[in-house]
Structures are given as C-alpha cells and as structure tokens.
Amino acid sequence: MNTFLYRFAKKLYMRFAVIFVVILFAFAGCTGNDKKAGSTAGLSNAPMDSTKFTTIEWLDSANKNFGKIAEGKKLDVTFRFKNIGNKPLIIQKVQPSCGCTIAEQPNEPVLPGNEGTIKASFNSEGRAGVNHKTLYVYANTKGTQTHELRFEVEVEKKKW
C-alpha cells in the first residue's frame, strides 16, 4: 500500500510540474515585444504636437485600379502628394496591409509647397484573383494623422 501511494504521489507531482512548465512558457511567449508587420511599434504613443501639423493634398486618386497583370509580375505603384500647409510634412511611417507589398516613403520632411511620392511594389506571385491592397500612411497632418491609400489589381493565373 505504501508503494502504491508513493507512485501515485510521484505521478501527480510530475503532472503538476509539467503543467507548470507549460504555463510558464505560455506566459513567457506573451511578452508584448512583437515587431510584426502590422504593428505600429515604430510610432510613439505620445500625443503629437498639434502646432506642428500641416495639410496634405493627394494629387492622384487615393484609390487606384490597375486592371489585370500576369501572375509573377511586379506592379509598381506611386501616389503623389503636396504639402499645402505651412509646416514641414513628416511621413512617419508607411505600412502595407500585407507582406506581398513593400512600401517606400520619403526620408526627409516635405517642405511647405513641395511635392513628394509614396511608392509601393506589389509581388503578384501566388496571388491569382482580385487583390485589394492598402497602404497606411502616418503623418503630422491636421484632422487625422492616418491616411489610407488603396489599389486594386487582378492577377491572372499562370498558364502552364
């Protein structure tokens, strides 16, 4: 009987130890330090100084349709804008909605009266069908500091 109780207690202790280790690893994995593509980790959570806000004018449509392209082709997209305010326009970040699109933003502030571009490159490999993509633009602009630029393209499947 003593041996039976010893084995039972040992098995129970091992079960609790395994459960504890699993829970420990689960909490350790949730540290909140993720730097995923969709996160705004590079942006400060502090409120922006509204005295430095300016106005942006999109010279092209913020919604573009590029028709059809063959699968595997790269589509380059450009959105032109103008700083029509009286403060330098700072594009803090341009975040694509998915990993198949790479965005390029101005590295320097755009001075009042000057124009700039936001470029993106869409990789159509494995993306057959209609694709709706969004670029999220974070800038020091009046009204809203987040702008959405969208484009649509239909990717025709490769013919073998």
N, C-alpha and C. Protein backbone atom coordinates (compact mmCIF):
# COMPACT_ATOMS: atom_id res chain seq x y z
N MET A 1 0.83 -1.19 0.00
CA MET A 1 0.00 0.00 0.00
C MET A 1 0.87 1.25 0.00
N ASN A 2 1.94 1.23 0.76
CA ASN A 2 2.85 2.36 0.84
C ASN A 2 3.48 2.64 -0.52
N THR A 3 3.84 1.62 -1.26
CA THR A 3 4.44 1.75 -2.58
C THR A 3 3.43 2.36 -3.55
N PHE A 4 2.18 1.92 -3.44
CA PHE A 4 1.13 2.46 -4.31
C PHE A 4 0.96 3.96 -4.08
N LEU A 5 0.90 4.42 -2.85
CA LEU A 5 0.74 5.83 -2.54
C LEU A 5 1.95 6.63 -3.03
N TYR A 6 3.11 6.06 -2.88
CA TYR A 6 4.33 6.73 -3.34
C TYR A 6 4.30 6.95 -4.86
N ARG A 7 3.93 5.92 -5.61
CA ARG A 7 3.84 6.03 -7.08
C ARG A 7 2.77 7.03 -7.49
N PHE A 8 1.63 6.96 -6.81
CA PHE A 8 0.54 7.88 -7.14
C PHE A 8 0.96 9.33 -6.90
N ALA A 9 1.59 9.59 -5.76
CA ALA A 9 2.03 10.94 -5.43
C ALA A 9 3.10 11.41 -6.41
N LYS A 10 4.00 10.52 -6.80
CA LYS A 10 5.06 10.87 -7.74
C LYS A 10 4.47 11.24 -9.10
N LYS A 11 3.50 10.47 -9.59
CA LYS A 11 2.84 10.77 -10.87
C LYS A 11 2.09 12.09 -10.80
N LEU A 12 1.41 12.34 -9.70
CA LEU A 12 0.66 13.57 -9.53
C LEU A 12 1.61 14.77 -9.51
N TYR A 13 2.72 14.62 -8.79
CA TYR A 13 3.73 15.68 -8.73
C TYR A 13 4.28 15.97 -10.13
N MET A 14 4.57 14.96 -10.91
CA MET A 14 5.10 15.14 -12.27
C MET A 14 4.07 15.85 -13.16
N ARG A 15 2.82 15.49 -13.01
CA ARG A 15 1.77 16.14 -13.81
C ARG A 15 1.72 17.65 -13.50
N PHE A 16 1.75 17.99 -12.22
CA PHE A 16 1.74 19.40 -11.84
C PHE A 16 2.98 20.13 -12.34
N ALA A 17 4.11 19.47 -12.30
CA ALA A 17 5.35 20.09 -12.78
C ALA A 17 5.27 20.35 -14.28
N VAL A 18 4.75 19.40 -15.05
CA VAL A 18 4.62 19.58 -16.50
C VAL A 18 3.64 20.72 -16.80
N ILE A 19 2.52 20.75 -16.13
CA ILE A 19 1.53 21.81 -16.34
C ILE A 19 2.13 23.16 -15.99
N PHE A 20 2.90 23.23 -14.91
CA PHE A 20 3.53 24.48 -14.50
C PHE A 20 4.51 24.97 -15.58
N VAL A 21 5.31 24.08 -16.12
CA VAL A 21 6.28 24.45 -17.16
C VAL A 21 5.56 24.93 -18.42
N VAL A 22 4.50 24.27 -18.81
CA VAL A 22 3.73 24.68 -19.99
C VAL A 22 3.15 26.08 -19.78
N ILE A 23 2.59 26.34 -18.62
CA ILE A 23 2.02 27.66 -18.33
C ILE A 23 3.12 28.71 -18.30
N LEU A 24 4.28 28.37 -17.74
CA LEU A 24 5.40 29.29 -17.70
C LEU A 24 5.84 29.69 -19.11
N PHE A 25 5.97 28.72 -20.00
CA PHE A 25 6.35 29.02 -21.38
C PHE A 25 5.28 29.84 -22.10
N ALA A 26 4.02 29.56 -21.80
CA ALA A 26 2.95 30.32 -22.44
C ALA A 26 3.02 31.79 -22.05
N PHE A 27 3.25 32.08 -20.78
CA PHE A 27 3.37 33.47 -20.35
C PHE A 27 4.65 34.12 -20.84
N ALA A 28 5.72 33.37 -20.91
CA ALA A 28 6.99 33.91 -21.40
C ALA A 28 6.89 34.30 -22.87
N GLY A 29 6.05 33.61 -23.63
CA GLY A 29 5.87 33.92 -25.05
C GLY A 29 5.02 35.15 -25.28
N CYS A 30 4.36 35.64 -24.28
CA CYS A 30 3.46 36.79 -24.41
C CYS A 30 4.08 38.02 -23.78
N THR A 31 5.29 38.35 -24.16
CA THR A 31 5.96 39.49 -23.55
C THR A 31 5.54 40.82 -24.13
N GLY A 32 4.88 40.83 -25.29
CA GLY A 32 4.43 42.08 -25.90
C GLY A 32 5.51 42.80 -26.66
N ASN A 33 6.63 42.16 -26.94
CA ASN A 33 7.72 42.79 -27.67
C ASN A 33 7.70 42.44 -29.15
N ASP A 34 6.57 41.98 -29.64
CA ASP A 34 6.47 41.60 -31.05
C ASP A 34 6.64 42.81 -31.93
N LYS A 35 7.36 42.66 -33.03
CA LYS A 35 7.54 43.71 -34.02
C LYS A 35 7.04 43.18 -35.35
N LYS A 36 5.75 42.89 -35.38
CA LYS A 36 5.13 42.35 -36.59
C LYS A 36 4.91 43.44 -37.61
N ALA A 37 4.68 43.02 -38.85
CA ALA A 37 4.48 43.97 -39.94
C ALA A 37 3.30 44.88 -39.69
N GLY A 38 2.25 44.38 -39.10
CA GLY A 38 1.07 45.19 -38.90
C GLY A 38 1.09 46.06 -37.67
N SER A 39 2.13 45.97 -36.87
CA SER A 39 2.16 46.75 -35.64
C SER A 39 2.63 48.17 -35.91
N THR A 40 2.36 49.03 -34.96
CA THR A 40 2.83 50.41 -35.06
C THR A 40 3.93 50.62 -34.04
N ALA A 41 4.80 49.60 -33.89
CA ALA A 41 5.84 49.64 -32.87
C ALA A 41 6.80 50.80 -33.07
N GLY A 42 7.01 51.24 -34.29
CA GLY A 42 7.96 52.31 -34.55
C GLY A 42 7.40 53.68 -34.26
N LEU A 43 6.12 53.77 -33.97
CA LEU A 43 5.49 55.07 -33.73
C LEU A 43 5.40 55.33 -32.24
N SER A 44 5.59 56.55 -31.87
CA SER A 44 5.50 56.94 -30.47
C SER A 44 4.03 56.97 -30.06
N ASN A 45 3.76 56.51 -28.85
CA ASN A 45 2.40 56.56 -28.33
C ASN A 45 2.09 57.93 -27.72
N ALA A 46 3.11 58.77 -27.59
CA ALA A 46 2.90 60.10 -27.04
C ALA A 46 2.10 60.95 -28.03
N PRO A 47 1.23 61.83 -27.54
CA PRO A 47 0.47 62.67 -28.46
C PRO A 47 1.40 63.58 -29.24
N MET A 48 1.06 63.79 -30.51
CA MET A 48 1.87 64.65 -31.37
C MET A 48 1.55 66.11 -31.05
N ASP A 49 2.53 66.97 -31.27
CA ASP A 49 2.38 68.40 -31.05
C ASP A 49 1.56 68.98 -32.19
N SER A 50 0.32 69.36 -31.92
CA SER A 50 -0.58 69.83 -32.97
C SER A 50 -0.13 71.17 -33.58
N THR A 51 0.79 71.88 -32.94
CA THR A 51 1.29 73.12 -33.54
C THR A 51 2.21 72.83 -34.73
N LYS A 52 2.61 71.57 -34.88
CA LYS A 52 3.48 71.18 -35.99
C LYS A 52 2.71 70.44 -37.08
N PHE A 53 1.38 70.43 -36.99
CA PHE A 53 0.56 69.77 -38.00
C PHE A 53 0.51 70.61 -39.27
N THR A 54 0.36 69.94 -40.38
CA THR A 54 0.25 70.59 -41.68
C THR A 54 -0.87 69.93 -42.47
N THR A 55 -1.02 70.30 -43.73
CA THR A 55 -2.09 69.77 -44.56
C THR A 55 -1.50 69.08 -45.78
N ILE A 56 -2.04 67.89 -46.07
CA ILE A 56 -1.58 67.13 -47.23
C ILE A 56 -2.69 67.11 -48.28
N GLU A 57 -2.29 67.22 -49.53
CA GLU A 57 -3.22 67.12 -50.65
C GLU A 57 -2.74 65.97 -51.53
N TRP A 58 -3.61 65.00 -51.77
CA TRP A 58 -3.26 63.88 -52.63
C TRP A 58 -3.48 64.31 -54.08
N LEU A 59 -2.43 64.35 -54.86
CA LEU A 59 -2.51 64.81 -56.25
C LEU A 59 -3.09 63.74 -57.16
N ASP A 60 -2.91 62.50 -56.79
CA ASP A 60 -3.52 61.38 -57.51
C ASP A 60 -4.66 60.86 -56.66
N SER A 61 -5.48 60.05 -57.26
CA SER A 61 -6.55 59.42 -56.50
C SER A 61 -5.95 58.53 -55.42
N ALA A 62 -6.58 58.50 -54.26
CA ALA A 62 -6.12 57.63 -53.18
C ALA A 62 -6.61 56.20 -53.38
N ASN A 63 -7.39 55.98 -54.44
CA ASN A 63 -7.88 54.65 -54.82
C ASN A 63 -7.57 54.43 -56.29
N LYS A 64 -6.74 53.42 -56.58
CA LYS A 64 -6.34 53.16 -57.97
C LYS A 64 -6.69 51.74 -58.36
N ASN A 65 -7.09 51.57 -59.63
CA ASN A 65 -7.35 50.25 -60.18
C ASN A 65 -6.38 50.03 -61.34
N PHE A 66 -5.57 49.00 -61.24
CA PHE A 66 -4.55 48.73 -62.26
C PHE A 66 -4.95 47.64 -63.25
N GLY A 67 -6.19 47.24 -63.23
CA GLY A 67 -6.66 46.26 -64.21
C GLY A 67 -6.06 44.89 -63.96
N LYS A 68 -5.58 44.26 -65.08
CA LYS A 68 -5.08 42.89 -64.99
C LYS A 68 -3.57 42.85 -65.24
N ILE A 69 -2.91 41.95 -64.50
CA ILE A 69 -1.50 41.66 -64.75
C ILE A 69 -1.31 40.14 -64.66
N ALA A 70 -0.25 39.65 -65.27
CA ALA A 70 0.05 38.23 -65.22
C ALA A 70 0.68 37.88 -63.87
N GLU A 71 0.34 36.70 -63.37
CA GLU A 71 0.92 36.25 -62.10
C GLU A 71 2.44 36.18 -62.23
N GLY A 72 3.13 36.64 -61.20
CA GLY A 72 4.59 36.66 -61.20
C GLY A 72 5.17 38.01 -61.55
N LYS A 73 4.35 38.89 -62.12
CA LYS A 73 4.82 40.24 -62.46
C LYS A 73 4.83 41.11 -61.21
N LYS A 74 5.73 42.08 -61.22
CA LYS A 74 5.81 43.05 -60.13
C LYS A 74 5.07 44.31 -60.58
N LEU A 75 4.23 44.84 -59.71
CA LEU A 75 3.48 46.05 -60.01
C LEU A 75 4.02 47.17 -59.13
N ASP A 76 4.51 48.24 -59.78
CA ASP A 76 4.99 49.41 -59.05
C ASP A 76 3.90 50.46 -59.02
N VAL A 77 3.62 50.99 -57.84
CA VAL A 77 2.54 51.95 -57.61
C VAL A 77 3.15 53.21 -57.01
N THR A 78 2.67 54.37 -57.47
CA THR A 78 3.13 55.66 -56.94
C THR A 78 1.93 56.54 -56.61
N PHE A 79 1.95 57.10 -55.42
CA PHE A 79 0.95 58.08 -55.01
C PHE A 79 1.67 59.41 -54.79
N ARG A 80 1.24 60.45 -55.50
CA ARG A 80 1.86 61.78 -55.37
C ARG A 80 1.04 62.63 -54.40
N PHE A 81 1.75 63.46 -53.65
CA PHE A 81 1.08 64.36 -52.71
C PHE A 81 1.82 65.69 -52.67
N LYS A 82 1.13 66.68 -52.09
CA LYS A 82 1.71 68.01 -51.94
C LYS A 82 1.44 68.51 -50.52
N ASN A 83 2.43 69.15 -49.93
CA ASN A 83 2.28 69.78 -48.63
C ASN A 83 1.71 71.17 -48.87
N ILE A 84 0.40 71.35 -48.58
CA ILE A 84 -0.23 72.65 -48.81
C ILE A 84 -0.38 73.44 -47.51
N GLY A 85 0.25 72.94 -46.44
CA GLY A 85 0.23 73.64 -45.16
C GLY A 85 1.43 74.57 -45.04
N ASN A 86 1.65 75.05 -43.83
CA ASN A 86 2.76 75.98 -43.61
C ASN A 86 3.84 75.40 -42.67
N LYS A 87 3.79 74.11 -42.41
CA LYS A 87 4.80 73.41 -41.61
C LYS A 87 5.36 72.24 -42.43
N PRO A 88 6.58 71.80 -42.15
CA PRO A 88 7.13 70.65 -42.86
C PRO A 88 6.25 69.40 -42.63
N LEU A 89 6.02 68.66 -43.69
CA LEU A 89 5.24 67.42 -43.63
C LEU A 89 6.19 66.26 -43.37
N ILE A 90 5.93 65.54 -42.30
CA ILE A 90 6.78 64.40 -41.93
C ILE A 90 5.97 63.12 -42.07
N ILE A 91 6.36 62.29 -43.02
CA ILE A 91 5.74 60.97 -43.17
C ILE A 91 6.49 60.06 -42.20
N GLN A 92 5.84 59.71 -41.10
CA GLN A 92 6.49 58.90 -40.07
C GLN A 92 6.65 57.45 -40.50
N LYS A 93 5.63 56.94 -41.16
CA LYS A 93 5.64 55.52 -41.50
C LYS A 93 4.63 55.25 -42.59
N VAL A 94 4.96 54.32 -43.48
CA VAL A 94 4.01 53.81 -44.46
C VAL A 94 3.97 52.30 -44.26
N GLN A 95 2.81 51.78 -43.89
CA GLN A 95 2.67 50.37 -43.55
C GLN A 95 1.74 49.68 -44.54
N PRO A 96 2.25 48.73 -45.34
CA PRO A 96 1.39 47.97 -46.24
C PRO A 96 0.48 47.02 -45.45
N SER A 97 -0.64 46.65 -46.06
CA SER A 97 -1.59 45.77 -45.39
C SER A 97 -1.14 44.32 -45.37
N CYS A 98 -0.15 43.95 -46.20
CA CYS A 98 0.34 42.57 -46.17
C CYS A 98 1.78 42.51 -46.64
N GLY A 99 2.39 41.37 -46.48
CA GLY A 99 3.79 41.18 -46.81
C GLY A 99 4.10 41.11 -48.29
N CYS A 100 3.09 41.02 -49.14
CA CYS A 100 3.33 40.95 -50.59
C CYS A 100 3.58 42.33 -51.18
N THR A 101 3.46 43.36 -50.37
CA THR A 101 3.66 44.74 -50.83
C THR A 101 4.75 45.39 -49.98
N ILE A 102 5.69 46.04 -50.65
CA ILE A 102 6.77 46.75 -49.97
C ILE A 102 6.58 48.24 -50.24
N ALA A 103 6.59 49.04 -49.18
CA ALA A 103 6.36 50.48 -49.32
C ALA A 103 7.67 51.25 -49.16
N GLU A 104 7.69 52.41 -49.82
CA GLU A 104 8.84 53.31 -49.76
C GLU A 104 8.31 54.70 -49.46
N GLN A 105 8.86 55.34 -48.46
CA GLN A 105 8.39 56.66 -48.03
C GLN A 105 9.51 57.68 -48.14
N PRO A 106 9.16 58.96 -48.15
CA PRO A 106 10.20 60.00 -48.16
C PRO A 106 11.01 59.94 -46.86
N ASN A 107 12.32 60.07 -46.99
CA ASN A 107 13.20 60.03 -45.81
C ASN A 107 13.32 61.40 -45.14
N GLU A 108 13.08 62.45 -45.89
CA GLU A 108 13.22 63.82 -45.39
C GLU A 108 11.84 64.48 -45.32
N PRO A 109 11.67 65.46 -44.44
CA PRO A 109 10.41 66.21 -44.40
C PRO A 109 10.15 66.91 -45.73
N VAL A 110 8.88 67.00 -46.10
CA VAL A 110 8.49 67.70 -47.33
C VAL A 110 8.10 69.12 -46.91
N LEU A 111 8.84 70.09 -47.42
CA LEU A 111 8.63 71.48 -47.03
C LEU A 111 7.32 72.02 -47.61
N PRO A 112 6.76 73.06 -46.99
CA PRO A 112 5.51 73.65 -47.49
C PRO A 112 5.63 74.02 -48.97
N GLY A 113 4.60 73.66 -49.76
CA GLY A 113 4.58 73.95 -51.19
C GLY A 113 5.26 72.90 -52.05
N ASN A 114 6.02 71.99 -51.44
CA ASN A 114 6.71 70.96 -52.21
C ASN A 114 5.87 69.70 -52.35
N GLU A 115 6.26 68.88 -53.33
CA GLU A 115 5.57 67.62 -53.59
C GLU A 115 6.46 66.45 -53.20
N GLY A 116 5.82 65.33 -52.99
CA GLY A 116 6.54 64.09 -52.66
C GLY A 116 5.78 62.90 -53.20
N THR A 117 6.38 61.73 -53.06
CA THR A 117 5.74 60.50 -53.53
C THR A 117 5.86 59.40 -52.47
N ILE A 118 4.89 58.54 -52.50
CA ILE A 118 4.92 57.30 -51.73
C ILE A 118 4.83 56.19 -52.76
N LYS A 119 5.81 55.31 -52.74
CA LYS A 119 5.88 54.23 -53.72
C LYS A 119 5.65 52.90 -53.04
N ALA A 120 5.13 51.97 -53.82
CA ALA A 120 4.93 50.61 -53.33
C ALA A 120 5.19 49.65 -54.47
N SER A 121 5.61 48.47 -54.11
CA SER A 121 5.86 47.41 -55.08
C SER A 121 5.09 46.17 -54.64
N PHE A 122 4.20 45.68 -55.51
CA PHE A 122 3.35 44.53 -55.22
C PHE A 122 3.89 43.31 -55.96
N ASN A 123 4.14 42.22 -55.23
CA ASN A 123 4.60 40.97 -55.82
C ASN A 123 3.38 40.08 -56.06
N SER A 124 3.08 39.81 -57.32
CA SER A 124 1.86 39.07 -57.66
C SER A 124 2.04 37.55 -57.65
N GLU A 125 3.23 37.06 -57.35
CA GLU A 125 3.47 35.61 -57.34
C GLU A 125 2.57 34.94 -56.30
N GLY A 126 1.77 33.97 -56.76
CA GLY A 126 0.88 33.24 -55.87
C GLY A 126 -0.34 34.03 -55.42
N ARG A 127 -0.66 35.10 -56.11
CA ARG A 127 -1.77 35.98 -55.72
C ARG A 127 -2.86 36.05 -56.78
N ALA A 128 -3.14 34.94 -57.45
CA ALA A 128 -4.15 34.93 -58.52
C ALA A 128 -5.50 35.40 -57.99
N GLY A 129 -6.20 36.17 -58.83
CA GLY A 129 -7.51 36.70 -58.46
C GLY A 129 -7.43 38.19 -58.20
N VAL A 130 -8.52 38.75 -57.70
CA VAL A 130 -8.57 40.18 -57.42
C VAL A 130 -7.90 40.45 -56.07
N ASN A 131 -7.01 41.42 -56.07
CA ASN A 131 -6.26 41.80 -54.86
C ASN A 131 -6.58 43.25 -54.51
N HIS A 132 -6.97 43.47 -53.27
CA HIS A 132 -7.23 44.80 -52.73
C HIS A 132 -6.14 45.07 -51.70
N LYS A 133 -5.29 46.06 -51.93
CA LYS A 133 -4.18 46.36 -51.03
C LYS A 133 -4.32 47.78 -50.49
N THR A 134 -3.85 47.96 -49.25
CA THR A 134 -3.92 49.26 -48.59
C THR A 134 -2.56 49.63 -48.04
N LEU A 135 -2.20 50.90 -48.19
CA LEU A 135 -1.02 51.46 -47.55
C LEU A 135 -1.51 52.42 -46.48
N TYR A 136 -1.08 52.21 -45.25
CA TYR A 136 -1.45 53.09 -44.15
C TYR A 136 -0.32 54.10 -43.97
N VAL A 137 -0.66 55.38 -44.14
CA VAL A 137 0.32 56.46 -44.06
C VAL A 137 0.12 57.22 -42.76
N TYR A 138 1.18 57.31 -41.95
CA TYR A 138 1.14 58.03 -40.67
C TYR A 138 1.95 59.31 -40.83
N ALA A 139 1.31 60.47 -40.63
CA ALA A 139 1.98 61.75 -40.86
C ALA A 139 1.44 62.81 -39.90
N ASN A 140 2.16 63.93 -39.82
CA ASN A 140 1.78 65.04 -38.94
C ASN A 140 0.78 65.96 -39.66
N THR A 141 -0.42 65.44 -39.90
CA THR A 141 -1.42 66.18 -40.66
C THR A 141 -2.62 66.56 -39.79
N LYS A 142 -3.21 67.68 -40.13
CA LYS A 142 -4.39 68.17 -39.42
C LYS A 142 -5.57 67.24 -39.68
N GLY A 143 -6.46 67.16 -38.73
CA GLY A 143 -7.66 66.32 -38.88
C GLY A 143 -7.37 64.89 -38.47
N THR A 144 -6.65 64.19 -39.28
CA THR A 144 -6.26 62.82 -38.97
C THR A 144 -4.79 62.63 -39.29
N GLN A 145 -4.14 61.79 -38.52
CA GLN A 145 -2.73 61.53 -38.78
C GLN A 145 -2.53 60.21 -39.52
N THR A 146 -3.63 59.54 -39.85
CA THR A 146 -3.58 58.28 -40.59
C THR A 146 -4.36 58.43 -41.89
N HIS A 147 -3.71 58.08 -42.98
CA HIS A 147 -4.33 58.13 -44.30
C HIS A 147 -4.26 56.75 -44.93
N GLU A 148 -5.25 56.40 -45.73
CA GLU A 148 -5.26 55.11 -46.40
C GLU A 148 -5.19 55.31 -47.90
N LEU A 149 -4.20 54.68 -48.51
CA LEU A 149 -4.05 54.67 -49.97
C LEU A 149 -4.34 53.24 -50.41
N ARG A 150 -5.21 53.11 -51.39
CA ARG A 150 -5.64 51.76 -51.80
C ARG A 150 -5.38 51.55 -53.29
N PHE A 151 -5.09 50.30 -53.60
CA PHE A 151 -5.04 49.93 -55.01
C PHE A 151 -5.59 48.52 -55.18
N GLU A 152 -6.07 48.30 -56.40
CA GLU A 152 -6.67 47.02 -56.74
C GLU A 152 -6.03 46.53 -58.03
N VAL A 153 -5.80 45.24 -58.11
CA VAL A 153 -5.25 44.63 -59.31
C VAL A 153 -5.78 43.21 -59.41
N GLU A 154 -6.09 42.80 -60.62
CA GLU A 154 -6.49 41.42 -60.85
C GLU A 154 -5.30 40.67 -61.42
N VAL A 155 -4.91 39.62 -60.72
CA VAL A 155 -3.76 38.81 -61.14
C VAL A 155 -4.29 37.58 -61.87
N GLU A 156 -3.87 37.45 -63.14
CA GLU A 156 -4.30 36.31 -63.94
C GLU A 156 -3.37 35.14 -63.69
N LYS A 157 -3.95 34.00 -63.36
CA LYS A 157 -3.19 32.80 -63.02
C LYS A 157 -2.30 32.39 -64.18
N LYS A 158 -1.10 31.89 -63.84
CA LYS A 158 -0.15 31.43 -64.85
C LYS A 158 -0.78 30.28 -65.64
N LYS A 159 -0.51 30.27 -66.93
CA LYS A 159 -0.97 29.17 -67.78
C LYS A 159 0.23 28.27 -68.04
N TRP A 160 0.14 27.04 -67.62
CA TRP A 160 1.28 26.11 -67.75
C TRP A 160 1.28 25.53 -69.09
